[in-house]
Amino acid sequence: MLPAGHSSELQVAAGILLNRQGQVLIAQRVPGSHMGGAWEFPGGKIAAGETSLEGLVRELHEELAIKVRYVRHLLHFTHCYPDRTVHLHVWLVLSWEGDPEGVEGQPLRWVAMDMLRDQGLLPADEKIITSLQKYAETQQPEWRTLVQAILGITEGSCNR
């Protein structure tokens, strides 16, 4: 049951794309949409019958024209906005094919992890930033190199 004033409840998948420089990709919400103009982590609504991972893969292909290769679940939580409740399924996208582009005309930006709070991200993204920073602090420096070696990713590949 939604709290008074809430008109909808949404399941959303969000992807945290990390490049080799440790930067995170963010996208600007389309004007006219809920909280249009704000910045967010790419992703979108999970369709009926989809798992959160299937929704993530579909949304990132539709929005960024990339093919997801390797992900790791980061967290799942609920955030209440005045007019909607959003259940966020957040994934680290550690490998992908293609160069991310704003297929729907949305601006994209690579941002250093320690600068994310200064980017005008959605209120729900605060919890994601905190979890992402904790995750990064717990990783061994070679974790990304190991993943790349397992997947056969080389410096010449199109993965960032």
C-alpha atoms as a PDB file:
ATOM      1  CA  MET A   1       0.000   0.000   0.000  1.00  0.00           C
ATOM      2  CA  LEU A   2       1.318   3.442  -0.968  1.00  0.00           C
ATOM      3  CA  PRO A   3       1.512   6.264   1.553  1.00  0.00           C
ATOM      4  CA  ALA A   4      -1.102   9.016   1.141  1.00  0.00           C
ATOM      5  CA  GLY A   5      -0.301  11.195  -1.855  1.00  0.00           C
ATOM      6  CA  HIS A   6       1.543   8.500  -3.813  1.00  0.00           C
ATOM      7  CA  SER A   7       0.054   7.805  -7.219  1.00  0.00           C
ATOM      8  CA  SER A   8       2.330   5.046  -8.463  1.00  0.00           C
ATOM      9  CA  GLU A   9       4.842   2.416  -7.525  1.00  0.00           C
ATOM     10  CA  LEU A  10       7.681   1.643  -9.939  1.00  0.00           C
ATOM     11  CA  GLN A  11      10.369  -1.024 -10.293  1.00  0.00           C
ATOM     12  CA  VAL A  12      13.501   0.588 -11.759  1.00  0.00           C
ATOM     13  CA  ALA A  13      16.880  -0.832 -12.798  1.00  0.00           C
ATOM     14  CA  ALA A  14      19.896   1.489 -12.693  1.00  0.00           C
ATOM     15  CA  GLY A  15      23.361   0.815 -14.064  1.00  0.00           C
ATOM     16  CA  ILE A  16      26.605   2.197 -12.691  1.00  0.00           C
ATOM     17  CA  LEU A  17      29.055   2.237 -15.592  1.00  0.00           C
ATOM     18  CA  LEU A  18      32.679   2.567 -14.482  1.00  0.00           C
ATOM     19  CA  ASN A  19      35.412   3.438 -16.963  1.00  0.00           C
ATOM     20  CA  ARG A  20      39.120   2.653 -16.640  1.00  0.00           C
ATOM     21  CA  GLN A  21      39.769   6.034 -15.026  1.00  0.00           C
ATOM     22  CA  GLY A  22      37.324   5.187 -12.218  1.00  0.00           C
ATOM     23  CA  GLN A  23      34.725   7.639 -13.507  1.00  0.00           C
ATOM     24  CA  VAL A  24      30.992   6.975 -13.416  1.00  0.00           C
ATOM     25  CA  LEU A  25      28.571   7.680 -16.267  1.00  0.00           C
ATOM     26  CA  ILE A  26      25.535   9.849 -15.507  1.00  0.00           C
ATOM     27  CA  ALA A  27      22.732  10.994 -17.798  1.00  0.00           C
ATOM     28  CA  GLN A  28      20.484  14.032 -17.687  1.00  0.00           C
ATOM     29  CA  ARG A  29      16.752  13.362 -17.486  1.00  0.00           C
ATOM     30  CA  VAL A  30      14.726  14.561 -20.447  1.00  0.00           C
ATOM     31  CA  PRO A  31      12.877  17.862 -19.852  1.00  0.00           C
ATOM     32  CA  GLY A  32       9.177  17.250 -19.256  1.00  0.00           C
ATOM     33  CA  SER A  33       9.774  13.915 -17.523  1.00  0.00           C
ATOM     34  CA  HIS A  34       9.496  13.376 -13.759  1.00  0.00           C
ATOM     35  CA  MET A  35      12.269  15.558 -12.306  1.00  0.00           C
ATOM     36  CA  GLY A  36      13.343  16.529 -15.831  1.00  0.00           C
ATOM     37  CA  GLY A  37      16.746  18.184 -16.086  1.00  0.00           C
ATOM     38  CA  ALA A  38      18.160  16.354 -13.056  1.00  0.00           C
ATOM     39  CA  TRP A  39      21.074  13.961 -13.502  1.00  0.00           C
ATOM     40  CA  GLU A  40      20.800  10.233 -12.786  1.00  0.00           C
ATOM     41  CA  PHE A  41      22.454   6.894 -13.249  1.00  0.00           C
ATOM     42  CA  PRO A  42      21.292   5.373 -16.562  1.00  0.00           C
ATOM     43  CA  GLY A  43      18.489   2.829 -16.530  1.00  0.00           C
ATOM     44  CA  GLY A  44      14.732   2.821 -16.385  1.00  0.00           C
ATOM     45  CA  LYS A  45      11.509   1.041 -15.605  1.00  0.00           C
ATOM     46  CA  ILE A  46      11.503  -2.735 -15.442  1.00  0.00           C
ATOM     47  CA  ALA A  47       8.776  -4.086 -17.733  1.00  0.00           C
ATOM     48  CA  ALA A  48       6.197  -6.610 -16.539  1.00  0.00           C
ATOM     49  CA  GLY A  49       7.679 -10.103 -16.648  1.00  0.00           C
ATOM     50  CA  GLU A  50      11.309  -8.887 -16.698  1.00  0.00           C
ATOM     51  CA  THR A  51      13.868  -9.520 -14.002  1.00  0.00           C
ATOM     52  CA  SER A  52      15.801  -6.477 -12.812  1.00  0.00           C
ATOM     53  CA  LEU A  53      18.841  -7.661 -14.796  1.00  0.00           C
ATOM     54  CA  GLU A  54      16.803  -8.138 -17.982  1.00  0.00           C
ATOM     55  CA  GLY A  55      15.330  -4.667 -17.516  1.00  0.00           C
ATOM     56  CA  LEU A  56      18.784  -3.191 -16.994  1.00  0.00           C
ATOM     57  CA  VAL A  57      20.217  -4.824 -20.122  1.00  0.00           C
ATOM     58  CA  ARG A  58      17.244  -3.669 -22.222  1.00  0.00           C
ATOM     59  CA  GLU A  59      17.232  -0.117 -20.853  1.00  0.00           C
ATOM     60  CA  LEU A  60      20.981   0.401 -21.321  1.00  0.00           C
ATOM     61  CA  HIS A  61      20.741  -0.856 -24.882  1.00  0.00           C
ATOM     62  CA  GLU A  62      17.785   1.458 -25.612  1.00  0.00           C
ATOM     63  CA  GLU A  63      19.221   4.525 -23.842  1.00  0.00           C
ATOM     64  CA  LEU A  64      22.975   4.175 -24.411  1.00  0.00           C
ATOM     65  CA  ALA A  65      23.282   1.802 -27.413  1.00  0.00           C
ATOM     66  CA  ILE A  66      25.548  -0.574 -25.472  1.00  0.00           C
ATOM     67  CA  LYS A  67      25.513  -4.313 -24.933  1.00  0.00           C
ATOM     68  CA  VAL A  68      26.076  -5.257 -21.303  1.00  0.00           C
ATOM     69  CA  ARG A  69      28.688  -7.999 -20.843  1.00  0.00           C
ATOM     70  CA  TYR A  70      29.431  -8.246 -17.117  1.00  0.00           C
ATOM     71  CA  VAL A  71      27.548  -6.880 -14.105  1.00  0.00           C
ATOM     72  CA  ARG A  72      27.531  -7.205 -10.351  1.00  0.00           C
ATOM     73  CA  HIS A  73      24.542  -6.440  -8.144  1.00  0.00           C
ATOM     74  CA  LEU A  74      25.214  -3.470  -5.863  1.00  0.00           C
ATOM     75  CA  LEU A  75      21.989  -2.903  -3.916  1.00  0.00           C
ATOM     76  CA  HIS A  76      18.205  -2.837  -3.888  1.00  0.00           C
ATOM     77  CA  PHE A  77      16.222  -0.244  -1.937  1.00  0.00           C
ATOM     78  CA  THR A  78      13.009   1.768  -1.946  1.00  0.00           C
ATOM     79  CA  HIS A  79      12.805   5.545  -2.203  1.00  0.00           C
ATOM     80  CA  CYS A  80       9.599   7.513  -1.651  1.00  0.00           C
ATOM     81  CA  TYR A  81       9.041  10.692  -3.657  1.00  0.00           C
ATOM     82  CA  PRO A  82       5.939  12.780  -2.894  1.00  0.00           C
ATOM     83  CA  ASP A  83       4.083  11.350  -5.893  1.00  0.00           C
ATOM     84  CA  ARG A  84       5.603   7.885  -6.343  1.00  0.00           C
ATOM     85  CA  THR A  85       7.481   5.061  -4.693  1.00  0.00           C
ATOM     86  CA  VAL A  86      10.497   3.752  -6.594  1.00  0.00           C
ATOM     87  CA  HIS A  87      12.037   0.344  -5.947  1.00  0.00           C
ATOM     88  CA  LEU A  88      15.597   0.673  -7.263  1.00  0.00           C
ATOM     89  CA  HIS A  89      17.643  -2.336  -8.382  1.00  0.00           C
ATOM     90  CA  VAL A  90      21.197  -1.073  -8.819  1.00  0.00           C
ATOM     91  CA  TRP A  91      23.878  -2.916 -10.800  1.00  0.00           C
ATOM     92  CA  LEU A  92      27.581  -2.231 -11.363  1.00  0.00           C
ATOM     93  CA  VAL A  93      28.217  -2.540 -15.092  1.00  0.00           C
ATOM     94  CA  LEU A  94      31.842  -3.619 -15.266  1.00  0.00           C
ATOM     95  CA  SER A  95      32.045  -4.494 -18.954  1.00  0.00           C
ATOM     96  CA  TRP A  96      30.058  -3.549 -22.056  1.00  0.00           C
ATOM     97  CA  GLU A  97      30.342  -3.376 -25.822  1.00  0.00           C
ATOM     98  CA  GLY A  98      30.002  -0.067 -27.645  1.00  0.00           C
ATOM     99  CA  ASP A  99      30.536   3.552 -26.744  1.00  0.00           C
ATOM    100  CA  PRO A 100      27.705   4.953 -24.604  1.00  0.00           C
ATOM    101  CA  GLU A 101      25.727   7.621 -26.409  1.00  0.00           C
ATOM    102  CA  GLY A 102      22.542   9.479 -25.509  1.00  0.00           C
ATOM    103  CA  VAL A 103      20.227   7.696 -27.952  1.00  0.00           C
ATOM    104  CA  GLU A 104      17.216   9.688 -26.733  1.00  0.00           C
ATOM    105  CA  GLY A 105      19.130  12.974 -26.994  1.00  0.00           C
ATOM    106  CA  GLN A 106      20.008  13.029 -23.286  1.00  0.00           C
ATOM    107  CA  PRO A 107      23.377  14.541 -22.344  1.00  0.00           C
ATOM    108  CA  LEU A 108      25.881  12.123 -20.779  1.00  0.00           C
ATOM    109  CA  ARG A 109      28.834  12.894 -18.527  1.00  0.00           C
ATOM    110  CA  TRP A 110      31.706  10.857 -17.034  1.00  0.00           C
ATOM    111  CA  VAL A 111      32.282  12.018 -13.461  1.00  0.00           C
ATOM    112  CA  ALA A 112      34.901  11.157 -10.839  1.00  0.00           C
ATOM    113  CA  MET A 113      33.324   9.203  -8.014  1.00  0.00           C
ATOM    114  CA  ASP A 114      34.213  11.839  -5.420  1.00  0.00           C
ATOM    115  CA  MET A 115      32.420  14.509  -7.509  1.00  0.00           C
ATOM    116  CA  LEU A 116      29.074  12.706  -7.870  1.00  0.00           C
ATOM    117  CA  ARG A 117      27.392  14.628  -5.048  1.00  0.00           C
ATOM    118  CA  ASP A 118      28.073  17.903  -6.892  1.00  0.00           C
ATOM    119  CA  GLN A 119      26.235  16.896 -10.080  1.00  0.00           C
ATOM    120  CA  GLY A 120      22.574  17.549  -9.241  1.00  0.00           C
ATOM    121  CA  LEU A 121      21.639  13.870  -9.079  1.00  0.00           C
ATOM    122  CA  LEU A 122      18.170  12.677  -8.070  1.00  0.00           C
ATOM    123  CA  PRO A 123      17.503  12.448  -4.316  1.00  0.00           C
ATOM    124  CA  ALA A 124      17.308   8.634  -4.451  1.00  0.00           C
ATOM    125  CA  ASP A 125      20.829   8.517  -5.894  1.00  0.00           C
ATOM    126  CA  GLU A 126      22.412   9.612  -2.604  1.00  0.00           C
ATOM    127  CA  LYS A 127      22.107   6.074  -1.256  1.00  0.00           C
ATOM    128  CA  ILE A 128      23.638   4.703  -4.469  1.00  0.00           C
ATOM    129  CA  ILE A 129      26.613   7.066  -4.191  1.00  0.00           C
ATOM    130  CA  THR A 130      27.251   5.985  -0.597  1.00  0.00           C
ATOM    131  CA  SER A 131      27.075   2.278  -1.515  1.00  0.00           C
ATOM    132  CA  LEU A 132      29.258   2.776  -4.578  1.00  0.00           C
ATOM    133  CA  GLN A 133      31.939   4.553  -2.566  1.00  0.00           C
ATOM    134  CA  LYS A 134      31.898   1.843   0.115  1.00  0.00           C
ATOM    135  CA  TYR A 135      32.167  -0.816  -2.577  1.00  0.00           C
ATOM    136  CA  ALA A 136      35.128   0.951  -4.209  1.00  0.00           C
ATOM    137  CA  GLU A 137      36.912   1.233  -0.842  1.00  0.00           C
ATOM    138  CA  THR A 138      36.644  -2.525  -0.237  1.00  0.00           C
ATOM    139  CA  GLN A 139      38.040  -3.607  -3.614  1.00  0.00           C
ATOM    140  CA  GLN A 140      41.608  -4.651  -4.177  1.00  0.00           C
ATOM    141  CA  PRO A 141      43.329  -2.421  -6.768  1.00  0.00           C
ATOM    142  CA  GLU A 142      43.624  -5.326  -9.167  1.00  0.00           C
ATOM    143  CA  TRP A 143      39.929  -6.359  -9.089  1.00  0.00           C
ATOM    144  CA  ARG A 144      39.139  -4.657 -12.404  1.00  0.00           C
ATOM    145  CA  THR A 145      42.231  -6.108 -14.086  1.00  0.00           C
ATOM    146  CA  LEU A 146      41.180  -9.571 -12.925  1.00  0.00           C
ATOM    147  CA  VAL A 147      37.680  -9.153 -14.377  1.00  0.00           C
ATOM    148  CA  GLN A 148      39.170  -7.934 -17.656  1.00  0.00           C
ATOM    149  CA  ALA A 149      41.529 -10.917 -17.806  1.00  0.00           C
ATOM    150  CA  ILE A 150      38.702 -13.385 -17.145  1.00  0.00           C
ATOM    151  CA  LEU A 151      36.600 -11.843 -19.899  1.00  0.00           C
ATOM    152  CA  GLY A 152      39.511 -11.471 -22.315  1.00  0.00           C
ATOM    153  CA  ILE A 153      39.201  -7.704 -22.423  1.00  0.00           C
ATOM    154  CA  THR A 154      42.263  -5.927 -23.722  1.00  0.00           C
ATOM    155  CA  GLU A 155      43.231  -2.283 -23.918  1.00  0.00           C
ATOM    156  CA  GLY A 156      42.246  -2.272 -27.587  1.00  0.00           C
ATOM    157  CA  SER A 157      38.653  -3.358 -26.929  1.00  0.00           C
ATOM    158  CA  CYS A 158      35.753  -0.958 -27.001  1.00  0.00           C
ATOM    159  CA  ASN A 159      35.099  -1.357 -23.275  1.00  0.00           C
ATOM    160  CA  ARG A 160      35.741   1.650 -21.129  1.00  0.00           C
END
